[in-house]
């Protein structure tokens, strides 16, 4: 009988729930969790780990030191699109494939981006606050329609593609930018997109290359910024300044440099800013797709089949590093 794989589960869920979610894997895995949600506990648990199920909060990450502490590690499955904090090069150097779950939240996030844009353009937050305060400002809010507006999408993976479909359905003129140029008439350079769009929607992954990519000061006067990527992609200090001086017409933010958003952060007090607690991709439907994709990849790894969506260039065929014969 094959010895069960040691699976270290890092998501911030109760151990009993984690075991329940992974129950379809059966006795092929021995599910473990760190003794605590801190780095010392992670490092203590890694020497026996063969498969790591990642932490979508980026609290517990497989950086270079963590990879070095896991000599048996054969596969990392990240149950999210973002892989912030994981050292893809260190994992690749150790022959460990890292896979994510692309596309599972595309509908959820793109719907949030559209809803947030409509909330800003139609001044829904200000209207609600005014009515609750006993006011009736039918003439003073100055909402406007999206039809005919220019919408620029930064990032063109599954979420960006879904965003484009939704905004085009409303009659918007949609362009996009991604790091790999496309032979597509809707593709334009980043400077043109940022400076010429009425709405800039940010849905690109955070990396060293994209950190601070969007400077709100370079956006069109009165434009709207919608960020559902990661806080670090947008220069947050410049964003605050552009909102304070009226350069931007508004911003909708599901992500921030520091999460949760700290007390006293200036974004809390600025008008015409929609704040959301990193939940754009959190719907029952998206969660179901996430669980299905994660279990499918883990099952493939256990059965010796290729896993999907490997990001770090390693072979998608997961190979166990230590077997019973090699340890006897």
Protein backbone atom coordinates (compact mmCIF):
# COMPACT_ATOMS: atom_id res chain seq x y z
CA UNK A 1 0.00 0.00 0.00
CA UNK A 2 1.33 3.46 -0.92
CA UNK A 3 2.10 5.69 2.02
CA UNK A 4 -0.25 8.69 2.12
CA UNK A 5 1.19 11.97 0.89
CA UNK A 6 1.81 14.53 3.61
CA UNK A 7 -0.35 17.54 2.71
CA UNK A 8 0.22 20.74 4.65
CA UNK A 9 -2.85 22.99 4.43
CA UNK A 10 -2.22 26.70 5.00
CA UNK A 11 -5.59 28.40 4.29
CA UNK A 12 -7.04 30.36 7.25
CA UNK A 13 -9.81 27.86 7.96
CA UNK A 14 -10.59 25.72 11.02
CA UNK A 15 -8.79 22.39 10.84
CA UNK A 16 -12.05 20.42 10.95
CA UNK A 17 -13.43 22.37 7.98
CA UNK A 18 -10.16 22.02 6.09
CA UNK A 19 -10.26 18.26 6.53
CA UNK A 20 -13.89 18.18 5.40
CA UNK A 21 -13.12 20.12 2.22
CA UNK A 22 -10.21 17.81 1.40
CA UNK A 23 -12.13 14.64 2.25
CA UNK A 24 -12.62 13.72 -1.45
CA UNK A 25 -8.88 13.00 -1.58
CA UNK A 26 -9.50 10.12 0.82
CA UNK A 27 -6.72 8.21 2.51
CA UNK A 28 -4.25 9.16 -0.21
CA UNK A 29 -3.26 12.20 1.88
CA UNK A 30 -2.45 12.86 5.49
CA UNK A 31 -3.78 16.40 6.04
CA UNK A 32 -1.92 18.55 8.53
CA UNK A 33 -2.03 22.22 9.50
CA UNK A 34 0.59 24.38 11.22
CA UNK A 35 0.35 24.53 15.00
CA UNK A 36 -0.21 28.29 14.70
CA UNK A 37 -0.66 30.85 11.94
CA UNK A 38 2.84 32.27 12.15
CA UNK A 39 6.14 31.82 10.40
CA UNK A 40 7.79 29.70 13.10
CA UNK A 41 4.94 27.20 13.00
CA UNK A 42 5.10 27.11 9.20
CA UNK A 43 8.82 26.41 9.17
CA UNK A 44 8.38 23.72 11.83
CA UNK A 45 5.74 21.95 9.75
CA UNK A 46 7.54 22.05 6.41
CA UNK A 47 10.24 19.34 6.75
CA UNK A 48 7.68 16.55 6.29
CA UNK A 49 5.44 18.34 3.80
CA UNK A 50 5.16 16.84 0.30
CA UNK A 51 2.25 18.95 -0.93
CA UNK A 52 1.46 22.45 0.27
CA UNK A 53 -1.99 23.93 -0.15
CA UNK A 54 -1.30 27.66 -0.07
CA UNK A 55 -2.72 30.49 2.01
CA UNK A 56 -4.74 32.95 -0.08
CA UNK A 57 -4.18 35.71 2.50
CA UNK A 58 -0.40 35.68 1.83
CA UNK A 59 0.25 35.41 5.57
CA UNK A 60 2.01 32.05 5.24
CA UNK A 61 4.11 32.00 2.08
CA UNK A 62 6.61 29.71 0.41
CA UNK A 63 9.52 32.11 0.14
CA UNK A 64 13.12 30.97 -0.35
CA UNK A 65 13.65 30.11 3.33
CA UNK A 66 10.42 28.14 3.46
CA UNK A 67 11.35 26.21 0.31
CA UNK A 68 14.73 25.39 1.83
CA UNK A 69 12.97 24.03 4.92
CA UNK A 70 10.92 21.58 2.84
CA UNK A 71 13.22 18.94 1.33
CA UNK A 72 10.32 16.58 0.55
CA UNK A 73 8.18 19.21 -1.16
CA UNK A 74 6.90 18.10 -4.57
CA UNK A 75 3.97 20.42 -5.32
CA UNK A 76 2.40 23.71 -4.24
CA UNK A 77 -1.24 24.33 -5.10
CA UNK A 78 -2.34 27.92 -4.52
CA UNK A 79 -6.14 28.14 -4.07
CA UNK A 80 -6.38 31.59 -5.64
CA UNK A 81 -5.30 33.50 -8.72
CA UNK A 82 -2.71 35.60 -6.89
CA UNK A 83 0.52 33.99 -5.70
CA UNK A 84 1.85 36.95 -3.70
CA UNK A 85 4.81 36.14 -1.49
CA UNK A 86 5.68 32.76 -2.99
CA UNK A 87 9.19 32.58 -4.43
CA UNK A 88 8.56 31.05 -7.85
CA UNK A 89 12.28 30.95 -8.69
CA UNK A 90 13.20 29.14 -5.47
CA UNK A 91 10.44 26.61 -6.06
CA UNK A 92 11.58 26.12 -9.66
CA UNK A 93 15.18 25.63 -8.54
CA UNK A 94 13.95 22.85 -6.26
CA UNK A 95 11.93 21.28 -9.06
CA UNK A 96 8.62 22.09 -7.37
CA UNK A 97 5.73 23.16 -9.61
CA UNK A 98 3.45 25.89 -8.29
CA UNK A 99 -0.06 26.06 -9.72
CA UNK A 100 -2.87 28.55 -9.19
CA UNK A 101 -6.57 28.59 -10.09
CA UNK A 102 -6.96 30.99 -13.03
CA UNK A 103 -10.39 32.05 -14.11
CA UNK A 104 -12.40 30.77 -11.14
CA UNK A 105 -13.23 34.29 -9.95
CA UNK A 106 -13.41 36.00 -13.35
CA UNK A 107 -17.18 36.48 -13.36
CA UNK A 108 -17.31 37.53 -9.71
CA UNK A 109 -14.50 40.09 -9.98
CA UNK A 110 -15.63 41.53 -13.32
CA UNK A 111 -19.20 41.92 -12.01
CA UNK A 112 -17.79 43.76 -8.97
CA UNK A 113 -15.76 46.05 -11.25
CA UNK A 114 -18.84 46.89 -13.29
CA UNK A 115 -21.03 47.39 -10.21
CA UNK A 116 -18.40 49.58 -8.56
CA UNK A 117 -18.04 51.71 -11.68
CA UNK A 118 -21.80 52.18 -11.90
CA UNK A 119 -21.93 53.08 -8.21
CA UNK A 120 -19.34 55.81 -8.76
CA UNK A 121 -20.70 57.15 -12.03
CA UNK A 122 -24.31 57.27 -10.80
CA UNK A 123 -23.23 58.66 -7.38
CA UNK A 124 -25.15 55.97 -5.54
CA UNK A 125 -23.21 56.31 -2.28
CA UNK A 126 -23.65 60.08 -2.13
CA UNK A 127 -27.35 59.79 -3.02
CA UNK A 128 -27.95 57.21 -0.30
CA UNK A 129 -26.15 59.32 2.32
CA UNK A 130 -28.09 62.44 1.31
CA UNK A 131 -31.51 60.78 1.57
CA UNK A 132 -30.61 59.25 4.94
CA UNK A 133 -29.66 62.76 6.11
CA UNK A 134 -33.07 64.12 5.09
CA UNK A 135 -31.89 65.77 1.87
CA UNK A 136 -33.31 65.40 -1.66
CA UNK A 137 -30.55 66.48 -4.10
CA UNK A 138 -32.10 65.66 -7.45
CA UNK A 139 -30.02 68.28 -9.25
CA UNK A 140 -26.76 68.47 -7.31
CA UNK A 141 -25.19 65.02 -7.59
CA UNK A 142 -24.37 65.14 -11.35
CA UNK A 143 -24.41 61.42 -12.16
CA UNK A 144 -23.62 60.34 -15.71
CA UNK A 145 -24.08 57.40 -18.06
CA UNK A 146 -21.36 54.92 -18.99
CA UNK A 147 -22.51 54.39 -22.58
CA UNK A 148 -19.95 55.91 -24.93
CA UNK A 149 -17.29 56.32 -22.23
CA UNK A 150 -13.74 55.07 -22.70
CA UNK A 151 -12.87 52.19 -20.36
CA UNK A 152 -9.25 51.06 -20.14
CA UNK A 153 -8.50 47.65 -18.61
CA UNK A 154 -5.04 46.99 -17.17
CA UNK A 155 -4.48 43.25 -17.32
CA UNK A 156 -6.10 40.89 -19.81
CA UNK A 157 -6.31 37.48 -18.25
CA UNK A 158 -9.70 35.81 -17.69
CA UNK A 159 -10.85 38.67 -15.43
CA UNK A 160 -9.80 41.36 -17.89
CA UNK A 161 -11.51 39.56 -20.76
CA UNK A 162 -14.72 39.24 -18.73
CA UNK A 163 -14.55 42.92 -17.77
CA UNK A 164 -14.21 43.89 -21.42
CA UNK A 165 -17.28 41.85 -22.37
CA UNK A 166 -19.40 43.45 -19.65
CA UNK A 167 -18.39 47.06 -20.33
CA UNK A 168 -18.78 46.61 -24.07
CA UNK A 169 -22.29 45.28 -23.46
CA UNK A 170 -23.12 48.70 -21.98
CA UNK A 171 -21.86 50.49 -25.07
CA UNK A 172 -18.46 51.55 -23.69
CA UNK A 173 -15.38 51.91 -25.88
CA UNK A 174 -13.02 49.37 -24.29
CA UNK A 175 -9.26 49.12 -24.69
CA UNK A 176 -6.76 47.06 -22.73
CA UNK A 177 -3.09 46.77 -21.87
CA UNK A 178 -1.16 43.71 -20.83
CA UNK A 179 2.54 43.01 -20.49
CA UNK A 180 2.53 40.85 -23.62
CA UNK A 181 1.54 43.00 -26.65
CA UNK A 182 -1.41 41.66 -28.63
CA UNK A 183 -2.29 41.91 -32.29
CA UNK A 184 -5.70 43.25 -31.30
CA UNK A 185 -7.13 46.64 -32.29
CA UNK A 186 -8.26 47.12 -28.67
CA UNK A 187 -4.69 46.81 -27.35
CA UNK A 188 -2.94 50.10 -26.67
CA UNK A 189 0.14 51.21 -24.81
CA UNK A 190 -0.20 51.83 -21.09
CA UNK A 191 0.44 55.58 -21.18
CA UNK A 192 -2.27 56.12 -23.79
CA UNK A 193 -4.73 53.95 -21.91
CA UNK A 194 -4.13 55.58 -18.51
CA UNK A 195 -4.19 59.15 -19.79
CA UNK A 196 -7.12 58.75 -22.16
CA UNK A 197 -9.63 56.56 -20.32
CA UNK A 198 -12.69 57.80 -18.46
CA UNK A 199 -12.50 54.65 -16.32
CA UNK A 200 -9.31 52.69 -15.57
CA UNK A 201 -9.98 49.16 -14.33
CA UNK A 202 -6.97 47.43 -12.76
CA UNK A 203 -7.02 43.62 -12.75
CA UNK A 204 -3.37 42.71 -13.34
CA UNK A 205 -1.32 40.46 -11.07
CA UNK A 206 1.11 42.04 -8.61
CA UNK A 207 4.79 41.39 -9.32
CA UNK A 208 8.04 43.30 -9.14
CA UNK A 209 7.27 44.48 -12.67
CA UNK A 210 3.78 45.78 -11.86
CA UNK A 211 4.31 47.24 -8.39
CA UNK A 212 3.42 50.94 -8.53
CA UNK A 213 2.44 50.51 -12.19
CA UNK A 214 -0.51 52.91 -12.09
CA UNK A 215 0.10 56.54 -11.15
CA UNK A 216 -3.32 58.19 -10.69
CA UNK A 217 -1.77 61.60 -11.33
CA UNK A 218 -1.30 60.56 -14.97
CA UNK A 219 -4.97 59.72 -15.40
CA UNK A 220 -7.50 61.90 -17.19
CA UNK A 221 -9.05 64.77 -15.21
CA UNK A 222 -12.25 63.51 -13.57
CA UNK A 223 -11.59 59.85 -14.43
CA UNK A 224 -12.57 56.91 -12.22
CA UNK A 225 -10.11 54.32 -10.91
CA UNK A 226 -11.33 50.79 -10.11
CA UNK A 227 -8.77 48.49 -8.49
CA UNK A 228 -9.59 44.80 -8.01
CA UNK A 229 -6.00 43.56 -8.47
CA UNK A 230 -3.69 44.21 -5.52
CA UNK A 231 -3.10 47.42 -3.60
CA UNK A 232 0.54 47.56 -4.60
CA UNK A 233 -0.24 47.88 -8.32
CA UNK A 234 -1.52 51.43 -7.73
CA UNK A 235 0.59 54.16 -6.13
CA UNK A 236 -1.61 54.63 -3.06
CA UNK A 237 -0.03 57.90 -1.92
CA UNK A 238 -0.53 59.38 -5.38
CA UNK A 239 -4.09 58.06 -5.32
CA UNK A 240 -4.86 59.88 -2.08
CA UNK A 241 -3.34 63.08 -3.44
CA UNK A 242 -5.31 62.83 -6.71
CA UNK A 243 -8.56 62.31 -4.83
CA UNK A 244 -7.88 65.15 -2.39
CA UNK A 245 -7.13 67.71 -5.07
CA UNK A 246 -10.09 66.67 -7.22
CA UNK A 247 -8.00 65.37 -10.11
CA UNK A 248 -9.87 62.05 -10.02
CA UNK A 249 -13.63 61.82 -10.09
CA UNK A 250 -13.61 58.84 -7.73
CA UNK A 251 -12.12 55.47 -6.91
CA UNK A 252 -13.44 52.02 -6.08
CA UNK A 253 -10.96 49.87 -4.15
CA UNK A 254 -11.27 46.22 -3.19
CA UNK A 255 -7.56 45.96 -2.33
CA UNK A 256 -5.05 48.02 -0.37
CA UNK A 257 -1.35 48.26 0.45
CA UNK A 258 -2.12 47.00 3.98
CA UNK A 259 -5.11 44.77 4.67
CA UNK A 260 -7.29 45.22 6.64
CA UNK A 261 -7.21 48.95 5.94
CA UNK A 262 -5.62 50.50 9.06
CA UNK A 263 -7.43 52.92 11.34
CA UNK A 264 -6.53 56.47 10.38
CA UNK A 265 -5.82 55.65 6.75
CA UNK A 266 -6.75 58.76 4.71
CA UNK A 267 -8.78 56.67 2.27
CA UNK A 268 -11.37 56.16 5.01
CA UNK A 269 -12.26 59.86 5.08
CA UNK A 270 -12.16 60.83 1.42
CA UNK A 271 -15.43 61.47 -0.44
CA UNK A 272 -16.41 59.59 -3.58
CA UNK A 273 -14.35 56.53 -2.65
CA UNK A 274 -15.95 53.11 -2.52
CA UNK A 275 -14.11 50.80 -0.10
CA UNK A 276 -14.51 47.01 -0.19
CA UNK A 277 -12.81 44.39 2.06
CA UNK A 278 -11.10 42.32 -0.67
CA UNK A 279 -14.28 40.42 -1.51
CA UNK A 280 -14.69 41.08 -5.24
CA UNK A 281 -14.03 37.43 -6.01
CA UNK A 282 -15.88 35.99 -3.03
CA UNK A 283 -19.19 34.54 -4.16
CA UNK A 284 -20.64 31.06 -3.57
CA UNK A 285 -20.28 30.36 -7.28
CA UNK A 286 -16.63 31.42 -7.41
CA UNK A 287 -15.85 29.51 -4.22
CA UNK A 288 -17.39 26.39 -5.75
CA UNK A 289 -15.27 26.75 -8.87
CA UNK A 290 -12.19 27.33 -6.72
CA UNK A 291 -12.76 24.18 -4.68
CA UNK A 292 -13.42 22.13 -7.81
CA UNK A 293 -10.25 23.35 -9.53
CA UNK A 294 -8.12 22.84 -6.41
CA UNK A 295 -9.35 19.31 -5.80
CA UNK A 296 -8.94 18.44 -9.48
CA UNK A 297 -5.30 19.50 -9.45
CA UNK A 298 -4.54 17.76 -6.15
CA UNK A 299 -6.16 14.58 -7.47
CA UNK A 300 -4.13 14.78 -10.66
CA UNK A 301 -0.93 15.15 -8.65
CA UNK A 302 -1.78 12.12 -6.50
CA UNK A 303 -2.67 10.01 -9.54
CA UNK A 304 0.47 10.87 -11.49
CA UNK A 305 -1.31 12.99 -14.08
CA UNK A 306 -0.23 16.46 -15.18
CA UNK A 307 -1.57 19.32 -13.10
CA UNK A 308 -3.02 22.47 -14.64
CA UNK A 309 -1.92 26.11 -14.48
CA UNK A 310 1.71 25.73 -13.40
CA UNK A 311 3.23 29.21 -13.19
CA UNK A 312 6.94 28.68 -12.60
CA UNK A 313 8.01 26.67 -15.63
CA UNK A 314 8.43 23.33 -13.85
CA UNK A 315 7.08 20.12 -15.36
CA UNK A 316 3.38 19.71 -14.50
CA UNK A 317 3.97 16.06 -13.67
CA UNK A 318 4.37 15.94 -9.89
CA UNK A 319 6.99 13.45 -8.70
CA UNK A 320 7.38 12.29 -5.13
CA UNK A 321 10.88 12.97 -3.82
CA UNK A 322 10.99 10.38 -1.06
CA UNK A 323 9.35 6.95 -1.22
CA UNK A 324 9.16 4.11 1.28
CA UNK A 325 12.04 2.37 -0.46
CA UNK A 326 14.23 5.44 -0.30
CA UNK A 327 13.76 5.84 3.45
CA UNK A 328 14.30 2.24 4.53
